[in-house]
Amino acid sequence: MQGFRLPGEAQKIDRLMEKFAERYCKDNPGVFASVDVAYVLSYSVIMLNTAMHNDLVEEKMTRKEFVEMNVATMAQVRTSLLPLCHTPVQRVLISK
């Protein structure tokens, strides 16, 4: 997926992420409490990726900050999943 690029329009990204969350929950039952939780976490990962790779963002989000931000809003997500979302995004940044 290194060549995948999201469309620039927020409405298109929203529709794409809704369909992604629906399909992910269908293919992976029980991981998330609902499609909405999968959608919010997916969108959060996109925001994390953007922040970590955008040169205009001076202070990069730490793993602890990412987990705390998401746990506060999504109590239905298994906490053990959240650090796993941050690490791949961080590795890509370090490998550049």
Protein backbone atom coordinates (compact mmCIF):
# COMPACT_ATOMS: atom_id res chain seq x y z
CA MET A 1 0.00 0.00 0.00
CA GLN A 2 2.94 2.35 -0.23
CA GLY A 3 1.55 3.71 -3.49
CA PHE A 4 -1.98 4.30 -2.20
CA ARG A 5 -3.00 7.92 -1.85
CA LEU A 6 -6.24 9.16 -0.35
CA PRO A 7 -8.28 11.67 -2.34
CA GLY A 8 -7.90 15.27 -1.17
CA GLU A 9 -11.59 15.94 -0.67
CA ALA A 10 -12.83 15.29 2.89
CA GLN A 11 -16.21 13.95 1.75
CA LYS A 12 -14.54 11.32 -0.46
CA ILE A 13 -12.20 10.28 2.36
CA ASP A 14 -15.20 9.99 4.68
CA ARG A 15 -17.08 7.71 2.27
CA LEU A 16 -13.98 5.62 1.65
CA MET A 17 -13.35 5.18 5.37
CA GLU A 18 -17.00 4.28 6.03
CA LYS A 19 -16.82 1.49 3.45
CA PHE A 20 -13.44 0.36 4.76
CA ALA A 21 -14.81 0.11 8.32
CA GLU A 22 -17.89 -1.80 7.15
CA ARG A 23 -15.79 -4.29 5.21
CA TYR A 24 -13.18 -4.67 7.94
CA CYS A 25 -15.84 -5.47 10.53
CA LYS A 26 -17.50 -7.94 8.17
CA ASP A 27 -14.19 -9.73 7.49
CA ASN A 28 -12.95 -9.52 11.11
CA PRO A 29 -15.94 -10.01 13.41
CA GLY A 30 -15.42 -9.25 17.08
CA VAL A 31 -12.39 -6.99 16.72
CA PHE A 32 -14.45 -3.82 17.20
CA ALA A 33 -17.70 -3.29 19.09
CA SER A 34 -19.22 -1.58 16.05
CA VAL A 35 -18.50 -0.24 12.58
CA ASP A 36 -18.40 3.26 14.07
CA VAL A 37 -15.53 2.32 16.37
CA ALA A 38 -13.58 0.87 13.43
CA TYR A 39 -14.27 4.03 11.43
CA VAL A 40 -13.07 6.38 14.19
CA LEU A 41 -9.90 4.39 14.83
CA SER A 42 -9.14 4.19 11.10
CA TYR A 43 -9.60 7.92 10.71
CA SER A 44 -7.38 8.48 13.74
CA VAL A 45 -4.62 6.43 12.11
CA ILE A 46 -4.91 8.56 8.96
CA MET A 47 -4.57 11.71 11.07
CA LEU A 48 -1.55 10.20 12.86
CA ASN A 49 0.08 9.29 9.55
CA THR A 50 -0.50 12.78 8.19
CA ALA A 51 0.90 14.42 11.31
CA MET A 52 3.99 12.21 11.37
CA HIS A 53 4.82 12.73 7.70
CA ASN A 54 3.91 16.40 7.35
CA ASP A 55 6.97 18.63 7.71
CA LEU A 56 4.75 21.47 8.95
CA VAL A 57 3.96 19.50 12.12
CA GLU A 58 6.84 20.23 14.47
CA GLU A 59 5.89 18.05 17.45
CA LYS A 60 5.21 14.48 16.39
CA MET A 61 2.65 12.51 18.38
CA THR A 62 4.14 9.88 20.68
CA ARG A 63 2.72 6.39 21.08
CA LYS A 64 1.53 7.30 24.59
CA GLU A 65 -0.29 10.41 23.32
CA PHE A 66 -1.94 8.45 20.52
CA VAL A 67 -3.17 5.75 22.90
CA GLU A 68 -4.42 8.29 25.46
CA MET A 69 -6.23 10.30 22.78
CA ASN A 70 -8.05 7.24 21.48
CA VAL A 71 -8.81 5.50 24.76
CA ALA A 72 -10.58 8.61 26.00
CA THR A 73 -12.98 8.59 23.05
CA MET A 74 -13.26 4.90 22.23
CA ALA A 75 -13.63 2.76 25.32
CA GLN A 76 -14.91 -0.12 23.12
CA VAL A 77 -11.52 -0.62 21.43
CA ARG A 78 -9.26 -3.19 22.97
CA THR A 79 -6.47 -1.05 24.40
CA SER A 80 -3.87 -3.55 23.21
CA LEU A 81 -4.67 -2.64 19.58
CA LEU A 82 -3.84 1.05 19.88
CA PRO A 83 -0.04 0.85 20.24
CA LEU A 84 0.01 -1.48 17.23
CA CYS A 85 -1.54 1.30 15.12
CA HIS A 86 1.14 3.82 16.08
CA THR A 87 4.23 1.63 15.58
CA PRO A 88 3.96 0.96 11.80
CA VAL A 89 3.38 4.66 11.09
CA GLN A 90 6.38 5.56 13.23
CA ARG A 91 8.61 2.93 11.52
CA VAL A 92 7.89 4.40 8.11
CA LEU A 93 8.88 7.83 9.39
CA ILE A 94 12.14 6.53 10.90
CA SER A 95 13.07 4.59 7.77
CA LYS A 96 12.95 7.69 5.55
